N, C-alpha and C. Protein backbone atom coordinates (compact mmCIF):
# COMPACT_ATOMS: atom_id res chain seq x y z
N UNK A 1 -137.10 -22.04 -74.90
CA UNK A 1 -136.71 -21.55 -73.59
C UNK A 1 -137.02 -22.61 -72.53
N UNK A 2 -136.11 -22.78 -71.59
CA UNK A 2 -136.26 -23.80 -70.55
C UNK A 2 -137.25 -23.35 -69.48
N UNK A 3 -137.97 -24.31 -68.93
CA UNK A 3 -138.82 -24.03 -67.79
C UNK A 3 -137.96 -24.02 -66.53
N UNK A 4 -138.31 -23.16 -65.59
CA UNK A 4 -137.57 -23.08 -64.33
C UNK A 4 -138.11 -24.13 -63.38
N UNK A 5 -137.20 -24.88 -62.74
CA UNK A 5 -137.60 -25.89 -61.76
C UNK A 5 -136.54 -26.01 -60.69
N UNK A 6 -136.94 -26.46 -59.53
CA UNK A 6 -136.04 -26.58 -58.40
C UNK A 6 -135.17 -27.82 -58.50
N UNK A 7 -133.92 -27.74 -58.00
CA UNK A 7 -133.08 -28.93 -57.95
C UNK A 7 -133.53 -29.83 -56.80
N UNK A 8 -133.06 -31.05 -56.81
CA UNK A 8 -133.22 -31.91 -55.64
C UNK A 8 -132.16 -31.47 -54.64
N UNK A 9 -132.54 -31.27 -53.39
CA UNK A 9 -131.61 -30.78 -52.37
C UNK A 9 -131.63 -31.73 -51.18
N UNK A 10 -130.43 -32.09 -50.71
CA UNK A 10 -130.29 -33.01 -49.58
C UNK A 10 -129.27 -32.42 -48.61
N UNK A 11 -129.61 -32.36 -47.32
CA UNK A 11 -128.68 -31.90 -46.30
C UNK A 11 -127.59 -32.96 -46.11
N UNK A 12 -126.33 -32.54 -46.20
CA UNK A 12 -125.20 -33.46 -46.05
C UNK A 12 -124.57 -33.33 -44.67
N UNK A 13 -124.36 -32.10 -44.22
CA UNK A 13 -123.67 -31.86 -42.95
C UNK A 13 -124.15 -30.54 -42.36
N UNK A 14 -124.21 -30.47 -41.03
CA UNK A 14 -124.62 -29.24 -40.35
C UNK A 14 -123.70 -29.01 -39.16
N UNK A 15 -123.07 -27.84 -39.13
CA UNK A 15 -122.21 -27.47 -38.02
C UNK A 15 -122.82 -26.32 -37.25
N UNK A 16 -122.00 -25.68 -36.42
CA UNK A 16 -122.48 -24.54 -35.64
C UNK A 16 -122.81 -23.35 -36.52
N UNK A 17 -121.97 -23.09 -37.52
CA UNK A 17 -122.12 -21.89 -38.34
C UNK A 17 -122.43 -22.17 -39.80
N UNK A 18 -122.09 -23.37 -40.29
CA UNK A 18 -122.24 -23.68 -41.71
C UNK A 18 -123.04 -24.95 -41.93
N UNK A 19 -123.63 -25.04 -43.13
CA UNK A 19 -124.26 -26.28 -43.58
C UNK A 19 -123.74 -26.61 -44.97
N UNK A 20 -123.80 -27.88 -45.30
CA UNK A 20 -123.46 -28.35 -46.65
C UNK A 20 -124.67 -29.09 -47.18
N UNK A 21 -125.13 -28.65 -48.35
CA UNK A 21 -126.25 -29.31 -49.02
C UNK A 21 -125.77 -29.85 -50.36
N UNK A 22 -126.36 -30.93 -50.79
CA UNK A 22 -126.09 -31.47 -52.13
C UNK A 22 -127.24 -31.09 -53.03
N UNK A 23 -126.91 -30.51 -54.19
CA UNK A 23 -127.91 -30.17 -55.21
C UNK A 23 -127.74 -31.13 -56.38
N UNK A 24 -128.85 -31.60 -56.92
CA UNK A 24 -128.83 -32.45 -58.11
C UNK A 24 -129.87 -31.93 -59.10
N UNK A 25 -129.53 -31.97 -60.38
CA UNK A 25 -130.46 -31.53 -61.42
C UNK A 25 -130.11 -32.23 -62.73
N UNK A 26 -131.09 -32.32 -63.60
CA UNK A 26 -130.92 -32.97 -64.90
C UNK A 26 -130.42 -31.99 -65.96
N UNK A 27 -129.73 -32.52 -66.97
CA UNK A 27 -129.27 -31.71 -68.08
C UNK A 27 -130.43 -30.95 -68.71
N UNK A 28 -130.22 -29.65 -69.00
CA UNK A 28 -131.25 -28.81 -69.59
C UNK A 28 -132.11 -28.08 -68.58
N UNK A 29 -132.00 -28.47 -67.32
CA UNK A 29 -132.80 -27.84 -66.27
C UNK A 29 -132.29 -26.43 -65.98
N UNK A 30 -133.21 -25.50 -65.78
CA UNK A 30 -132.90 -24.12 -65.41
C UNK A 30 -133.41 -23.92 -64.00
N UNK A 31 -132.49 -23.58 -63.08
CA UNK A 31 -132.86 -23.42 -61.67
C UNK A 31 -133.34 -22.00 -61.41
N UNK A 32 -134.10 -21.78 -60.34
CA UNK A 32 -134.66 -20.45 -60.08
C UNK A 32 -133.59 -19.37 -59.88
N UNK A 33 -133.87 -18.18 -60.42
CA UNK A 33 -132.99 -17.04 -60.25
C UNK A 33 -133.18 -16.50 -58.83
N UNK A 34 -132.04 -16.22 -58.16
CA UNK A 34 -132.12 -15.78 -56.77
C UNK A 34 -130.87 -15.02 -56.35
N UNK A 35 -130.95 -14.43 -55.15
CA UNK A 35 -129.80 -13.82 -54.50
C UNK A 35 -129.87 -14.20 -53.03
N UNK A 36 -128.75 -13.99 -52.31
CA UNK A 36 -128.69 -14.37 -50.90
C UNK A 36 -127.98 -13.30 -50.08
N UNK A 37 -128.25 -13.32 -48.79
CA UNK A 37 -127.71 -12.31 -47.88
C UNK A 37 -126.24 -12.53 -47.53
N UNK A 38 -125.71 -13.70 -47.82
CA UNK A 38 -124.30 -14.03 -47.55
C UNK A 38 -123.70 -14.72 -48.75
N UNK A 39 -122.37 -14.71 -48.83
CA UNK A 39 -121.73 -15.47 -49.90
C UNK A 39 -121.78 -16.95 -49.56
N UNK A 40 -121.68 -17.77 -50.60
CA UNK A 40 -121.67 -19.22 -50.44
C UNK A 40 -120.74 -19.81 -51.49
N UNK A 41 -120.52 -21.11 -51.39
CA UNK A 41 -119.59 -21.80 -52.29
C UNK A 41 -120.31 -22.96 -52.95
N UNK A 42 -120.13 -23.08 -54.27
CA UNK A 42 -120.64 -24.23 -55.03
C UNK A 42 -119.44 -25.03 -55.51
N UNK A 43 -119.45 -26.35 -55.25
CA UNK A 43 -118.40 -27.26 -55.70
C UNK A 43 -119.07 -28.33 -56.56
N UNK A 44 -118.72 -28.38 -57.83
CA UNK A 44 -119.34 -29.33 -58.76
C UNK A 44 -118.69 -30.70 -58.59
N UNK A 45 -119.51 -31.69 -58.29
CA UNK A 45 -119.02 -33.06 -58.12
C UNK A 45 -119.21 -33.89 -59.38
N UNK A 46 -120.21 -33.51 -60.19
CA UNK A 46 -120.54 -34.29 -61.39
C UNK A 46 -121.27 -33.38 -62.36
N UNK A 47 -121.03 -33.57 -63.64
CA UNK A 47 -121.76 -32.84 -64.67
C UNK A 47 -121.20 -31.47 -64.98
N UNK A 48 -122.03 -30.65 -65.63
CA UNK A 48 -121.61 -29.31 -66.06
C UNK A 48 -122.77 -28.35 -65.91
N UNK A 49 -122.42 -27.08 -65.63
CA UNK A 49 -123.44 -26.05 -65.54
C UNK A 49 -122.86 -24.70 -65.92
N UNK A 50 -123.75 -23.75 -66.12
CA UNK A 50 -123.36 -22.36 -66.31
C UNK A 50 -124.08 -21.57 -65.23
N UNK A 51 -123.32 -20.78 -64.47
CA UNK A 51 -123.92 -19.89 -63.49
C UNK A 51 -123.89 -18.49 -64.08
N UNK A 52 -125.08 -17.95 -64.32
CA UNK A 52 -125.21 -16.62 -64.92
C UNK A 52 -125.41 -15.56 -63.85
N UNK A 53 -124.56 -14.55 -63.90
CA UNK A 53 -124.72 -13.34 -63.11
C UNK A 53 -125.16 -12.25 -64.08
N UNK A 54 -125.60 -11.11 -63.59
CA UNK A 54 -126.03 -10.02 -64.48
C UNK A 54 -124.93 -9.61 -65.44
N UNK A 55 -123.73 -9.54 -64.94
CA UNK A 55 -122.58 -9.03 -65.71
C UNK A 55 -121.85 -10.10 -66.52
N UNK A 56 -121.84 -11.34 -66.05
CA UNK A 56 -121.04 -12.38 -66.71
C UNK A 56 -121.58 -13.76 -66.38
N UNK A 57 -120.94 -14.78 -66.95
CA UNK A 57 -121.32 -16.16 -66.66
C UNK A 57 -120.08 -17.00 -66.43
N UNK A 58 -120.26 -18.08 -65.66
CA UNK A 58 -119.16 -18.98 -65.32
C UNK A 58 -119.55 -20.40 -65.72
N UNK A 59 -118.70 -21.02 -66.54
CA UNK A 59 -118.90 -22.42 -66.92
C UNK A 59 -118.17 -23.27 -65.89
N UNK A 60 -118.86 -24.24 -65.29
CA UNK A 60 -118.26 -25.12 -64.29
C UNK A 60 -118.48 -26.57 -64.67
N UNK A 61 -117.46 -27.37 -64.43
CA UNK A 61 -117.58 -28.81 -64.63
C UNK A 61 -117.01 -29.52 -63.42
N UNK A 62 -117.02 -30.85 -63.44
CA UNK A 62 -116.58 -31.65 -62.29
C UNK A 62 -115.25 -31.15 -61.75
N UNK A 63 -115.21 -30.91 -60.42
CA UNK A 63 -113.99 -30.46 -59.76
C UNK A 63 -113.86 -28.95 -59.64
N UNK A 64 -114.69 -28.20 -60.38
CA UNK A 64 -114.65 -26.74 -60.31
C UNK A 64 -115.45 -26.24 -59.11
N UNK A 65 -115.08 -25.06 -58.64
CA UNK A 65 -115.84 -24.42 -57.56
C UNK A 65 -115.96 -22.93 -57.86
N UNK A 66 -116.91 -22.29 -57.19
CA UNK A 66 -117.15 -20.87 -57.39
C UNK A 66 -117.73 -20.28 -56.11
N UNK A 67 -117.20 -19.12 -55.71
CA UNK A 67 -117.80 -18.39 -54.61
C UNK A 67 -118.89 -17.49 -55.18
N UNK A 68 -120.09 -17.64 -54.65
CA UNK A 68 -121.23 -16.83 -55.08
C UNK A 68 -121.29 -15.62 -54.14
N UNK A 69 -121.11 -14.41 -54.67
CA UNK A 69 -121.13 -13.23 -53.81
C UNK A 69 -122.52 -12.98 -53.20
N UNK A 70 -122.52 -12.28 -52.08
CA UNK A 70 -123.80 -11.92 -51.46
C UNK A 70 -124.50 -10.84 -52.28
N UNK A 71 -125.82 -10.85 -52.20
CA UNK A 71 -126.67 -9.84 -52.84
C UNK A 71 -126.43 -9.67 -54.34
N UNK A 72 -126.12 -10.77 -55.03
CA UNK A 72 -125.93 -10.75 -56.48
C UNK A 72 -126.91 -11.75 -57.09
N UNK A 73 -127.77 -11.27 -57.99
CA UNK A 73 -128.72 -12.15 -58.67
C UNK A 73 -127.96 -13.13 -59.55
N UNK A 74 -128.34 -14.40 -59.48
CA UNK A 74 -127.70 -15.42 -60.30
C UNK A 74 -128.67 -16.57 -60.58
N UNK A 75 -128.32 -17.34 -61.61
CA UNK A 75 -129.17 -18.46 -62.02
C UNK A 75 -128.28 -19.55 -62.62
N UNK A 76 -128.62 -20.79 -62.33
CA UNK A 76 -127.84 -21.93 -62.82
C UNK A 76 -128.60 -22.62 -63.95
N UNK A 77 -127.90 -22.82 -65.06
CA UNK A 77 -128.42 -23.65 -66.16
C UNK A 77 -127.58 -24.91 -66.22
N UNK A 78 -128.22 -26.06 -66.10
CA UNK A 78 -127.53 -27.35 -66.09
C UNK A 78 -127.31 -27.80 -67.53
N UNK A 79 -126.06 -28.10 -67.87
CA UNK A 79 -125.71 -28.56 -69.21
C UNK A 79 -125.82 -30.08 -69.29
N UNK A 80 -125.12 -30.77 -68.39
CA UNK A 80 -125.19 -32.24 -68.28
C UNK A 80 -125.56 -32.59 -66.85
N UNK A 81 -126.27 -33.70 -66.66
CA UNK A 81 -126.72 -34.10 -65.32
C UNK A 81 -125.68 -33.67 -64.29
N UNK A 82 -126.17 -33.04 -63.23
CA UNK A 82 -125.33 -32.22 -62.37
C UNK A 82 -125.56 -32.58 -60.91
N UNK A 83 -124.45 -32.58 -60.18
CA UNK A 83 -124.50 -32.75 -58.73
C UNK A 83 -123.42 -31.84 -58.15
N UNK A 84 -123.79 -31.05 -57.15
CA UNK A 84 -122.84 -30.12 -56.55
C UNK A 84 -123.07 -30.02 -55.05
N UNK A 85 -122.02 -29.65 -54.34
CA UNK A 85 -122.14 -29.31 -52.93
C UNK A 85 -122.31 -27.81 -52.83
N UNK A 86 -123.21 -27.38 -51.97
CA UNK A 86 -123.43 -25.95 -51.72
C UNK A 86 -123.10 -25.72 -50.25
N UNK A 87 -122.05 -24.95 -50.00
CA UNK A 87 -121.57 -24.69 -48.64
C UNK A 87 -122.01 -23.28 -48.28
N UNK A 88 -122.78 -23.14 -47.20
CA UNK A 88 -123.36 -21.85 -46.88
C UNK A 88 -123.53 -21.64 -45.38
N UNK A 89 -123.56 -20.37 -44.95
CA UNK A 89 -123.82 -20.09 -43.53
C UNK A 89 -125.24 -20.50 -43.16
N UNK A 90 -125.42 -20.95 -41.92
CA UNK A 90 -126.74 -21.40 -41.48
C UNK A 90 -127.78 -20.29 -41.51
N UNK A 91 -127.37 -19.05 -41.30
CA UNK A 91 -128.33 -17.95 -41.20
C UNK A 91 -128.60 -17.25 -42.54
N UNK A 92 -128.17 -17.84 -43.63
CA UNK A 92 -128.35 -17.23 -44.96
C UNK A 92 -129.85 -17.11 -45.29
N UNK A 93 -130.21 -16.03 -45.97
CA UNK A 93 -131.58 -15.80 -46.42
C UNK A 93 -131.57 -15.66 -47.94
N UNK A 94 -132.55 -16.29 -48.61
CA UNK A 94 -132.64 -16.24 -50.07
C UNK A 94 -133.84 -15.41 -50.51
N UNK A 95 -133.68 -14.75 -51.66
CA UNK A 95 -134.77 -14.04 -52.30
C UNK A 95 -134.83 -14.54 -53.74
N UNK A 96 -136.01 -14.97 -54.17
CA UNK A 96 -136.18 -15.52 -55.52
C UNK A 96 -137.00 -14.54 -56.37
N UNK A 97 -136.72 -14.52 -57.68
CA UNK A 97 -137.54 -13.72 -58.58
C UNK A 97 -138.87 -14.43 -58.80
N UNK A 98 -139.84 -13.69 -59.26
CA UNK A 98 -141.17 -14.28 -59.49
C UNK A 98 -141.39 -14.52 -60.95
């Protein structure tokens, strides 16, 4: 079983209502399970990952994107070294499992 660890996160752009962050993680890394108060968008720039929701999972690779619904628990498992843009509202709030 993989240990949970945080991705590297870098602020790319900040507007009045939205921000864009870049997430990077190594192959095999399991990111923290969480949910958010607003929907957001993940755009994979490099590598591969699986985003697990309670009901299903989504395999994403370079060029793929996914809208993450609000108030839905999800977790990212990195398959191959991964870099993605995360586009989200500035006022978004996250809740992480313990």
